[in-house]
């Protein structure tokens, strides 16, 4: 069963974020972890915690609204 988190770290300072990322890394050894965020600085923190190969980034592009022509 995956763990899906949406902006879980939004109110964390960097120290707490690093601790939370360490816990998510440990949890990710047994389950899939999906963390949604729009905070780009979390990528740098995740890289410092897991390395560049320790996670995958799936950026969402800004799609046109259906009402736009």
Foldseek 3Di string as FASTA:
>chain_A
DEAEEEPPCVPPDLVVLLVVLLVVLVVCVPHHYHYHDPDVVSVVSNCVNQNPPRDDDDDDDDDDDPVDD
